[in-house]
Amino acid sequence: MNILVIGSGGREHALVWKLAQSRHASRIVCAPGSSAISEEVLASNGRRVECVSIGTQDLPLLLKLAQEMKSDMVVVGPDNPLALGIVDLFQDQGLRIWGPNRKAAQFESSKVFSQKFMERHGIPTASGGTFNDAGEARKFAASLGGKCAVKADGLALGKGVLLCHSTDEADRAIDEILVSRNFGDAGASIVIQELLEGMEISLHALCDGKTASLFPTAQDHKRALDGDLGLNTGGMGTYSPTPFLNEEELSRVGRMILDPFLKGCAAEGIDFRGILYPGVMLTRTGPKVLEFNARFGDPETQVYLPRLQNDLVEVLEASLNGTLARLDLKWDARPSVCVVMAAAGYPGPITKGQIITGLEKAALMPGIKVFHAGTVRAGNQWLTNGGRVLGVTASGTDLKSALSAAYTAVETIQFQGAQFRRDIAGKAGKASL
């Protein structure tokens, strides 16, 4: 099969790495890809992955590439092209493309749509309201005592959520998103939700339009600094599985969310094929959805795919073909941990071009795979080229050994200003609520 992967970050590196292991993959092209992605080799024929410098939002050129390479499957990594309708465009041209269409992608591209959908179909979520008037938004936030999450409606690189603990903080958040438009058009409308207390986890479910297959649990670490301090980021690390739900509890929580989701989609004519990724808070009154995403999480992908034992091409084919009910997802019982190494200043302004050392040594360590999120190769050197630079991923016989291996590799890799959290999986010792 000729496979085109769209994207360039750590998530897409992990997707390409896993797809390259498939016996079905004879050629993989990634657009725009990266220096690291171009070094992955296909298991079936020893061929290297090819990268073509086309941006993820340049839909006409991406379509031309898919047609010229006679792609048998297109795999979309990031959210922006999904929101722009890349799936609809490619399908109209007779191409097979994996990911939710534009209507289904609204679950991520519009938090207002998602909040109202959950309320219509009884999906457990935080009580909230949607606003495009700052005055009304402030009144609602005040009714919650200022303890709320203020969210930009549109896509904001995982950073458009501001957590508030007072009316002053809530007012500032509303002004930042809705009035000052610090997140651009993504902040034309906002969602304000009650601030939930509990343990937050990431769930993923593969969907084929009528069936949803639930993944094991994972837990992301969104704040930049240890102890969940600092600004929200795209994710500073993750691990899977978490100890907060056993298999029976996970199945129950999944059904509470996925059953009404699928029924709601059927009632509203939404054909969701791809990954549904709900962020879930385990509260004392039960699980509640914080938000929906319509693609693989990043860095969750970097811990899920090392654990997935199925051929990823066959998994995505089942999602496309509507045959998920006949597919048994198999998972390695060993935990996986990903620690993100980021540039100094992230998630704010950063400096690119710092020399990275230690990658070759880390790659030789047992159980280690380093996924590149923001790097570029210049001759014999690797340089930083983004905010999140690397996802250092490790597998181990237990969580402790996986963590030890990941942090040993992290300490081996160096670049000026490197920052990373030292408490990934630190909540694993806490009891479930």
Protein backbone atom coordinates (compact mmCIF):
# COMPACT_ATOMS: atom_id res chain seq x y z
CA MET A 1 0.00 0.00 0.00
CA ASN A 2 1.03 3.57 -0.70
CA ILE A 3 0.31 5.60 2.43
CA LEU A 4 0.33 9.38 2.84
CA VAL A 5 0.60 10.75 6.38
CA ILE A 6 -0.20 14.41 6.99
CA GLY A 7 1.63 16.23 9.78
CA SER A 8 5.12 16.82 11.15
CA GLY A 9 5.18 16.58 14.96
CA GLY A 10 5.78 13.95 17.59
CA ARG A 11 2.34 12.41 17.06
CA GLU A 12 2.99 12.03 13.34
CA HIS A 13 6.48 10.63 13.97
CA ALA A 14 4.86 7.96 16.16
CA LEU A 15 2.18 7.24 13.54
CA VAL A 16 4.77 6.88 10.77
CA TRP A 17 6.98 4.71 13.00
CA LYS A 18 4.09 2.33 13.68
CA LEU A 19 2.79 2.30 10.11
CA ALA A 20 6.30 1.51 8.86
CA GLN A 21 6.17 -1.75 10.84
CA SER A 22 3.14 -2.95 8.84
CA ARG A 23 3.54 -5.74 6.31
CA HIS A 24 1.02 -3.87 4.15
CA ALA A 25 3.06 -0.66 3.80
CA SER A 26 5.19 -0.58 0.65
CA ARG A 27 5.65 3.22 0.49
CA ILE A 28 5.05 5.95 3.06
CA VAL A 29 5.13 9.66 2.25
CA CYS A 30 4.74 12.28 4.99
CA ALA A 31 3.78 15.91 4.35
CA PRO A 32 5.47 18.01 5.49
CA GLY A 33 7.20 15.45 7.71
CA SER A 34 10.55 16.14 9.37
CA SER A 35 14.20 15.16 9.29
CA ALA A 36 13.56 12.45 11.90
CA ILE A 37 10.49 11.06 10.13
CA SER A 38 12.52 10.73 6.92
CA GLU A 39 14.90 8.37 8.75
CA GLU A 40 12.21 5.78 9.52
CA VAL A 41 12.50 2.59 7.44
CA LEU A 42 9.70 0.30 6.22
CA ALA A 43 9.87 -3.24 7.62
CA SER A 44 8.42 -4.76 4.44
CA ASN A 45 11.11 -3.60 1.99
CA GLY A 46 13.74 -1.48 3.78
CA ARG A 47 12.58 1.65 1.98
CA ARG A 48 12.91 4.99 3.75
CA VAL A 49 9.94 7.22 4.46
CA GLU A 50 9.78 10.16 2.06
CA CYS A 51 8.96 13.69 3.21
CA VAL A 52 7.44 16.35 0.96
CA SER A 53 7.44 19.99 2.06
CA ILE A 54 3.72 20.77 1.86
CA GLY A 55 1.96 22.44 4.79
CA THR A 56 -0.85 20.65 6.60
CA GLN A 57 -3.38 23.33 5.62
CA ASP A 58 -2.46 23.48 1.93
CA LEU A 59 -5.32 21.19 0.91
CA PRO A 60 -5.03 21.62 -2.90
CA LEU A 61 -1.33 20.67 -2.93
CA LEU A 62 -1.91 17.78 -0.52
CA LEU A 63 -4.68 16.50 -2.79
CA LYS A 64 -2.38 16.74 -5.82
CA LEU A 65 0.32 14.80 -3.93
CA ALA A 66 -2.09 12.05 -2.91
CA GLN A 67 -3.28 11.70 -6.50
CA GLU A 68 0.22 11.71 -7.99
CA MET A 69 1.51 9.05 -5.59
CA LYS A 70 -1.67 6.99 -6.11
CA SER A 71 -2.20 6.75 -2.37
CA ASP A 72 -4.19 3.80 -1.06
CA MET A 73 -4.71 5.44 2.32
CA VAL A 74 -4.25 8.95 3.69
CA VAL A 75 -3.78 9.32 7.47
CA VAL A 76 -4.41 12.75 9.00
CA GLY A 77 -2.55 13.58 12.21
CA PRO A 78 -3.32 17.19 13.29
CA ASP A 79 -6.63 18.91 13.93
CA ASN A 80 -6.45 21.90 11.56
CA PRO A 81 -6.77 20.04 8.23
CA LEU A 82 -9.67 18.03 9.67
CA ALA A 83 -11.45 21.23 10.67
CA LEU A 84 -10.83 22.62 7.18
CA GLY A 85 -12.57 19.62 5.59
CA ILE A 86 -9.65 17.67 4.13
CA VAL A 87 -11.54 14.39 4.53
CA ASP A 88 -14.55 15.69 2.59
CA LEU A 89 -12.31 17.07 -0.18
CA PHE A 90 -10.32 13.87 -0.61
CA GLN A 91 -13.39 11.63 -0.46
CA ASP A 92 -15.08 13.74 -3.15
CA GLN A 93 -12.07 12.92 -5.35
CA GLY A 94 -12.38 9.19 -4.66
CA LEU A 95 -9.46 8.92 -2.24
CA ARG A 96 -9.46 6.79 0.92
CA ILE A 97 -8.64 9.02 3.86
CA TRP A 98 -8.72 8.21 7.58
CA GLY A 99 -10.06 10.81 10.00
CA PRO A 100 -13.40 12.47 10.79
CA ASN A 101 -15.05 14.60 8.12
CA ARG A 102 -15.66 18.31 8.65
CA LYS A 103 -19.02 17.83 10.35
CA ALA A 104 -17.59 15.24 12.76
CA ALA A 105 -14.45 17.30 13.37
CA GLN A 106 -16.65 19.96 14.99
CA PHE A 107 -16.37 18.02 18.24
CA GLU A 108 -12.89 19.52 18.48
CA SER A 109 -13.02 22.56 16.23
CA SER A 110 -15.95 24.07 18.17
CA LYS A 111 -16.18 23.69 21.94
CA VAL A 112 -19.56 25.44 21.74
CA PHE A 113 -20.88 22.73 19.40
CA SER A 114 -19.40 20.00 21.59
CA GLN A 115 -20.84 21.41 24.84
CA LYS A 116 -24.33 21.72 23.36
CA PHE A 117 -24.13 18.23 21.83
CA MET A 118 -23.24 16.71 25.20
CA GLU A 119 -26.13 18.54 26.86
CA ARG A 120 -28.58 17.42 24.15
CA HIS A 121 -27.62 13.75 24.41
CA GLY A 122 -27.03 13.30 28.13
CA ILE A 123 -23.28 12.81 28.00
CA PRO A 124 -21.94 13.52 31.50
CA THR A 125 -20.05 16.82 31.45
CA ALA A 126 -19.43 19.92 33.52
CA SER A 127 -22.31 22.37 33.69
CA GLY A 128 -21.52 25.36 31.57
CA GLY A 129 -22.60 28.06 29.18
CA THR A 130 -21.56 29.43 25.80
CA PHE A 131 -21.01 33.14 25.19
CA ASN A 132 -19.97 35.74 22.66
CA ASP A 133 -20.83 38.69 24.90
CA ALA A 134 -18.22 39.52 27.56
CA GLY A 135 -20.73 41.01 29.97
CA GLU A 136 -22.95 37.92 29.98
CA ALA A 137 -19.86 35.74 30.30
CA ARG A 138 -18.69 37.65 33.38
CA LYS A 139 -22.12 37.29 34.99
CA PHE A 140 -22.07 33.54 34.47
CA ALA A 141 -18.51 33.23 35.79
CA ALA A 142 -19.52 35.24 38.85
CA SER A 143 -22.41 32.82 39.45
CA LEU A 144 -19.76 30.10 39.77
CA GLY A 145 -17.77 32.18 42.22
CA GLY A 146 -15.10 32.58 39.55
CA LYS A 147 -14.18 28.90 39.87
CA CYS A 148 -14.39 27.93 36.25
CA ALA A 149 -12.63 26.93 33.05
CA VAL A 150 -12.78 29.55 30.30
CA LYS A 151 -12.27 27.98 26.87
CA ALA A 152 -11.81 29.45 23.42
CA ASP A 153 -14.37 27.94 21.06
CA GLY A 154 -11.96 27.13 18.25
CA LEU A 155 -8.58 25.46 17.83
CA ALA A 156 -5.74 27.02 19.83
CA LEU A 157 -2.90 24.47 19.79
CA GLY A 158 -4.08 22.96 23.08
CA LYS A 159 -3.53 26.26 24.91
CA GLY A 160 -6.97 27.90 24.71
CA VAL A 161 -8.17 26.81 28.16
CA LEU A 162 -7.68 29.08 31.16
CA LEU A 163 -8.41 27.69 34.64
CA CYS A 164 -9.70 30.27 37.12
CA HIS A 165 -10.19 30.24 40.89
CA SER A 166 -11.63 33.71 41.48
CA THR A 167 -13.88 36.25 39.76
CA ASP A 168 -10.84 38.45 39.03
CA GLU A 169 -9.07 35.56 37.30
CA ALA A 170 -12.23 34.68 35.37
CA ASP A 171 -12.72 38.27 34.23
CA ARG A 172 -9.12 38.44 33.03
CA ALA A 173 -9.50 35.14 31.18
CA ILE A 174 -12.71 36.31 29.48
CA ASP A 175 -11.01 39.55 28.44
CA GLU A 176 -7.93 37.70 27.18
CA ILE A 177 -9.89 35.31 24.97
CA LEU A 178 -13.11 37.11 24.04
CA VAL A 179 -12.13 40.80 24.12
CA SER A 180 -8.40 41.00 23.37
CA ARG A 181 -8.60 37.96 21.08
CA ASN A 182 -5.23 36.61 22.19
CA PHE A 183 -6.18 33.34 20.47
CA GLY A 184 -7.44 35.06 17.31
CA ASP A 185 -10.67 33.90 15.70
CA ALA A 186 -10.66 30.83 17.97
CA GLY A 187 -11.87 33.21 20.71
CA ALA A 188 -14.86 34.65 18.85
CA SER A 189 -17.03 32.59 21.23
CA ILE A 190 -16.18 30.95 24.53
CA VAL A 191 -17.39 28.13 26.74
CA ILE A 192 -17.34 28.59 30.51
CA GLN A 193 -17.59 25.44 32.60
CA GLU A 194 -17.71 24.83 36.32
CA LEU A 195 -14.27 23.90 37.61
CA LEU A 196 -14.40 20.18 38.33
CA GLU A 197 -12.34 18.48 41.01
CA GLY A 198 -10.96 14.98 40.69
CA MET A 199 -8.45 12.96 38.71
CA GLU A 200 -8.15 13.83 35.02
CA ILE A 201 -7.43 11.10 32.47
CA SER A 202 -7.28 10.81 28.69
CA LEU A 203 -9.50 8.30 26.93
CA HIS A 204 -9.23 7.34 23.28
CA ALA A 205 -11.73 5.37 21.22
CA LEU A 206 -11.40 4.25 17.61
CA CYS A 207 -14.69 4.77 15.75
CA ASP A 208 -16.04 3.45 12.45
CA GLY A 209 -19.36 5.31 12.25
CA LYS A 210 -21.32 2.85 14.37
CA THR A 211 -18.86 1.11 16.73
CA ALA A 212 -16.30 2.51 19.18
CA SER A 213 -13.34 0.47 20.45
CA LEU A 214 -11.95 1.88 23.68
CA PHE A 215 -8.19 2.19 24.28
CA PRO A 216 -6.55 1.74 27.70
CA THR A 217 -6.27 4.82 29.90
CA ALA A 218 -3.54 7.43 29.72
CA GLN A 219 -2.84 10.58 31.71
CA ASP A 220 -1.47 13.75 30.13
CA HIS A 221 0.35 16.55 31.96
CA LYS A 222 -0.81 19.84 30.44
CA ARG A 223 0.80 22.42 32.72
CA ALA A 224 4.34 23.48 31.92
CA LEU A 225 5.81 23.05 35.39
CA ASP A 226 6.01 20.37 38.08
CA GLY A 227 3.04 20.14 40.42
CA ASP A 228 0.64 21.22 37.64
CA LEU A 229 1.88 24.80 37.82
CA GLY A 230 2.55 27.24 35.00
CA LEU A 231 0.74 27.79 31.72
CA ASN A 232 -1.23 25.22 29.73
CA THR A 233 0.79 23.54 26.99
CA GLY A 234 0.12 21.02 24.26
CA GLY A 235 1.26 18.35 26.73
CA MET A 236 4.49 17.84 28.69
CA GLY A 237 4.33 14.08 29.08
CA THR A 238 2.06 11.12 29.57
CA TYR A 239 1.92 7.48 30.61
CA SER A 240 -0.32 4.48 30.02
CA PRO A 241 -2.06 2.70 31.61
CA THR A 242 -3.17 4.65 34.67
CA PRO A 243 -4.08 2.92 37.96
CA PHE A 244 -7.29 4.90 38.44
CA LEU A 245 -9.68 2.55 36.61
CA ASN A 246 -9.59 -1.23 36.40
CA GLU A 247 -10.84 -2.93 33.21
CA GLU A 248 -14.42 -3.23 34.48
CA GLU A 249 -14.51 0.42 35.58
CA LEU A 250 -12.95 1.57 32.32
CA SER A 251 -15.59 -0.31 30.34
CA ARG A 252 -18.36 1.24 32.45
CA VAL A 253 -16.98 4.77 32.08
CA GLY A 254 -16.50 4.22 28.36
CA ARG A 255 -20.08 3.11 27.88
CA MET A 256 -21.41 6.09 29.86
CA ILE A 257 -19.70 8.37 27.35
CA LEU A 258 -19.54 6.41 24.10
CA ASP A 259 -23.06 4.95 24.00
CA PRO A 260 -24.84 8.33 24.11
CA PHE A 261 -22.16 9.78 21.82
CA LEU A 262 -22.81 7.18 19.12
CA LYS A 263 -26.59 7.48 19.50
CA GLY A 264 -26.33 11.25 19.29
CA CYS A 265 -24.21 11.03 16.14
CA ALA A 266 -26.72 8.69 14.54
CA ALA A 267 -29.61 11.01 15.46
CA GLU A 268 -27.84 14.05 14.01
CA GLY A 269 -26.43 12.39 10.88
CA ILE A 270 -22.78 12.58 11.97
CA ASP A 271 -20.58 9.82 10.51
CA PHE A 272 -17.64 9.76 12.91
CA ARG A 273 -14.75 7.65 11.60
CA GLY A 274 -11.43 8.21 13.32
CA ILE A 275 -10.25 8.77 16.88
CA LEU A 276 -12.51 10.29 19.51
CA TYR A 277 -10.39 11.58 22.37
CA PRO A 278 -12.35 12.80 25.40
CA GLY A 279 -10.57 14.36 28.32
CA VAL A 280 -12.38 13.01 31.38
CA MET A 281 -12.46 14.11 35.01
CA LEU A 282 -13.16 11.35 37.53
CA THR A 283 -15.21 13.27 40.09
CA ARG A 284 -16.86 12.10 43.29
CA THR A 285 -20.20 12.12 41.45
CA GLY A 286 -18.91 10.15 38.48
CA PRO A 287 -16.90 10.69 35.30
CA LYS A 288 -17.49 13.90 33.36
CA VAL A 289 -16.20 14.88 29.93
CA LEU A 290 -14.12 18.07 29.95
CA GLU A 291 -13.87 18.29 26.16
CA PHE A 292 -13.74 16.19 23.02
CA ASN A 293 -10.86 15.96 20.55
CA ALA A 294 -11.21 14.42 17.11
CA ARG A 295 -7.69 13.03 16.55
CA PHE A 296 -4.93 11.20 18.39
CA GLY A 297 -3.61 13.05 21.42
CA ASP A 298 -0.07 14.33 21.48
CA PRO A 299 1.84 12.99 23.44
CA GLU A 300 -0.70 10.19 24.15
CA THR A 301 0.03 8.68 20.72
CA GLN A 302 3.65 8.22 21.79
CA VAL A 303 2.63 5.86 24.61
CA TYR A 304 -0.34 4.18 22.94
CA LEU A 305 1.37 3.04 19.74
CA PRO A 306 4.33 1.32 21.46
CA ARG A 307 1.73 -0.67 23.44
CA LEU A 308 -0.51 -1.49 20.46
CA GLN A 309 0.21 -5.00 19.21
CA ASN A 310 -2.04 -4.90 16.15
CA ASP A 311 -0.90 -3.90 12.68
CA LEU A 312 -1.84 -0.20 12.56
CA VAL A 313 -2.76 -0.33 8.87
CA GLU A 314 -5.30 -3.06 9.63
CA VAL A 315 -6.66 -1.05 12.57
CA LEU A 316 -7.20 2.06 10.44
CA GLU A 317 -8.68 -0.04 7.63
CA ALA A 318 -11.29 -1.41 10.05
CA SER A 319 -12.18 2.13 11.09
CA LEU A 320 -12.56 3.17 7.45
CA ASN A 321 -14.49 0.07 6.39
CA GLY A 322 -16.94 -0.06 9.29
CA THR A 323 -15.62 -3.44 10.49
CA LEU A 324 -14.33 -2.52 13.97
CA ALA A 325 -16.76 -4.93 15.62
CA ARG A 326 -14.73 -7.79 14.11
CA LEU A 327 -11.35 -6.41 15.28
CA ASP A 328 -9.86 -7.25 18.66
CA LEU A 329 -7.41 -4.57 19.77
CA LYS A 330 -4.46 -6.13 21.60
CA TRP A 331 -2.24 -4.23 24.03
CA ASP A 332 1.15 -4.92 25.55
CA ALA A 333 0.66 -5.19 29.32
CA ARG A 334 3.90 -3.28 29.94
CA PRO A 335 3.46 0.41 30.81
CA SER A 336 4.79 3.14 28.56
CA VAL A 337 5.96 6.63 29.57
CA CYS A 338 6.68 9.71 27.47
CA VAL A 339 8.59 12.70 28.86
CA VAL A 340 8.51 15.80 26.66
CA MET A 341 11.66 17.89 26.40
CA ALA A 342 10.75 21.46 25.47
CA ALA A 343 12.62 24.61 24.51
CA ALA A 344 13.28 27.34 27.05
CA GLY A 345 10.31 29.68 27.30
CA TYR A 346 7.72 27.19 26.00
CA PRO A 347 4.72 27.64 25.78
CA GLY A 348 5.72 31.28 25.24
CA PRO A 349 8.31 32.66 22.81
CA ILE A 350 11.24 30.33 22.14
CA THR A 351 14.60 30.36 20.38
CA LYS A 352 15.24 27.73 17.71
CA GLY A 353 18.53 26.32 16.47
CA GLN A 354 20.01 24.95 19.71
CA ILE A 355 22.34 21.97 19.16
CA ILE A 356 21.00 18.68 20.55
CA THR A 357 23.44 16.05 21.80
CA GLY A 358 23.01 12.55 23.21
CA LEU A 359 20.33 11.30 20.80
CA GLU A 360 22.45 8.45 19.44
CA LYS A 361 23.35 7.27 22.94
CA ALA A 362 19.71 7.43 24.10
CA ALA A 363 18.55 5.47 21.05
CA LEU A 364 20.79 2.54 22.08
CA MET A 365 19.17 2.23 25.52
CA PRO A 366 16.81 -0.75 25.97
CA GLY A 367 13.12 0.09 25.63
CA ILE A 368 13.73 3.68 24.47
CA LYS A 369 12.25 5.38 21.41
CA VAL A 370 12.73 9.13 20.96
CA PHE A 371 9.99 10.78 18.90
CA HIS A 372 10.90 14.13 17.37
CA ALA A 373 8.33 16.90 17.77
CA GLY A 374 10.38 19.98 16.81
CA THR A 375 13.83 19.21 15.43
CA VAL A 376 15.72 19.60 12.17
CA ARG A 377 18.90 17.96 10.93
CA ALA A 378 21.71 20.21 9.71
CA GLY A 379 24.58 18.12 8.40
CA ASN A 380 25.63 15.83 11.24
CA GLN A 381 23.86 17.84 13.92
CA TRP A 382 20.34 17.87 15.28
CA LEU A 383 18.93 21.30 16.11
CA THR A 384 15.82 22.40 18.01
CA ASN A 385 13.05 23.66 15.72
CA GLY A 386 9.96 24.11 17.88
CA GLY A 387 8.48 24.52 21.35
CA ARG A 388 8.08 20.87 22.15
CA VAL A 389 11.31 19.35 20.89
CA LEU A 390 11.37 15.64 21.79
CA GLY A 391 9.11 12.97 23.27
CA VAL A 392 11.39 10.54 25.09
CA THR A 393 9.39 7.33 25.36
CA ALA A 394 10.19 4.21 27.37
CA SER A 395 8.55 0.86 28.04
CA GLY A 396 9.21 -1.19 31.16
CA THR A 397 8.06 -4.25 33.05
CA ASP A 398 6.28 -1.90 35.44
CA LEU A 399 5.67 1.85 35.72
CA LYS A 400 8.68 2.41 37.97
CA SER A 401 11.11 0.81 35.51
CA ALA A 402 9.56 2.65 32.55
CA LEU A 403 9.89 5.97 34.36
CA SER A 404 13.47 5.23 35.35
CA ALA A 405 14.40 4.37 31.76
CA ALA A 406 12.68 7.46 30.35
CA TYR A 407 14.38 9.87 32.74
CA THR A 408 17.76 8.20 32.27
CA ALA A 409 17.42 8.84 28.54
CA VAL A 410 16.22 12.41 29.15
CA GLU A 411 19.31 13.16 31.25
CA THR A 412 21.46 11.79 28.42
CA ILE A 413 20.00 14.22 25.86
CA GLN A 414 21.03 17.85 26.16
CA PHE A 415 20.38 21.18 24.49
CA GLN A 416 20.62 24.73 25.81
CA GLY A 417 17.58 25.73 27.86
CA ALA A 418 15.99 22.27 27.80
CA GLN A 419 13.02 22.04 30.14
CA PHE A 420 10.95 19.04 31.16
CA ARG A 421 8.70 18.00 33.99
CA ARG A 422 10.23 15.71 36.58
CA ASP A 423 6.89 14.46 37.96
CA ILE A 424 5.38 12.56 35.02
CA ALA A 425 3.13 9.82 36.45
CA GLY A 426 3.51 11.39 39.89
CA LYS A 427 -0.23 11.02 40.50
CA ALA A 428 -0.13 7.27 39.84
CA GLY A 429 0.24 6.55 43.56
CA LYS A 430 -2.98 8.38 44.43
CA ALA A 431 -6.19 6.43 44.87
CA SER A 432 -9.02 6.80 42.40
CA LEU A 433 -11.90 9.02 43.46
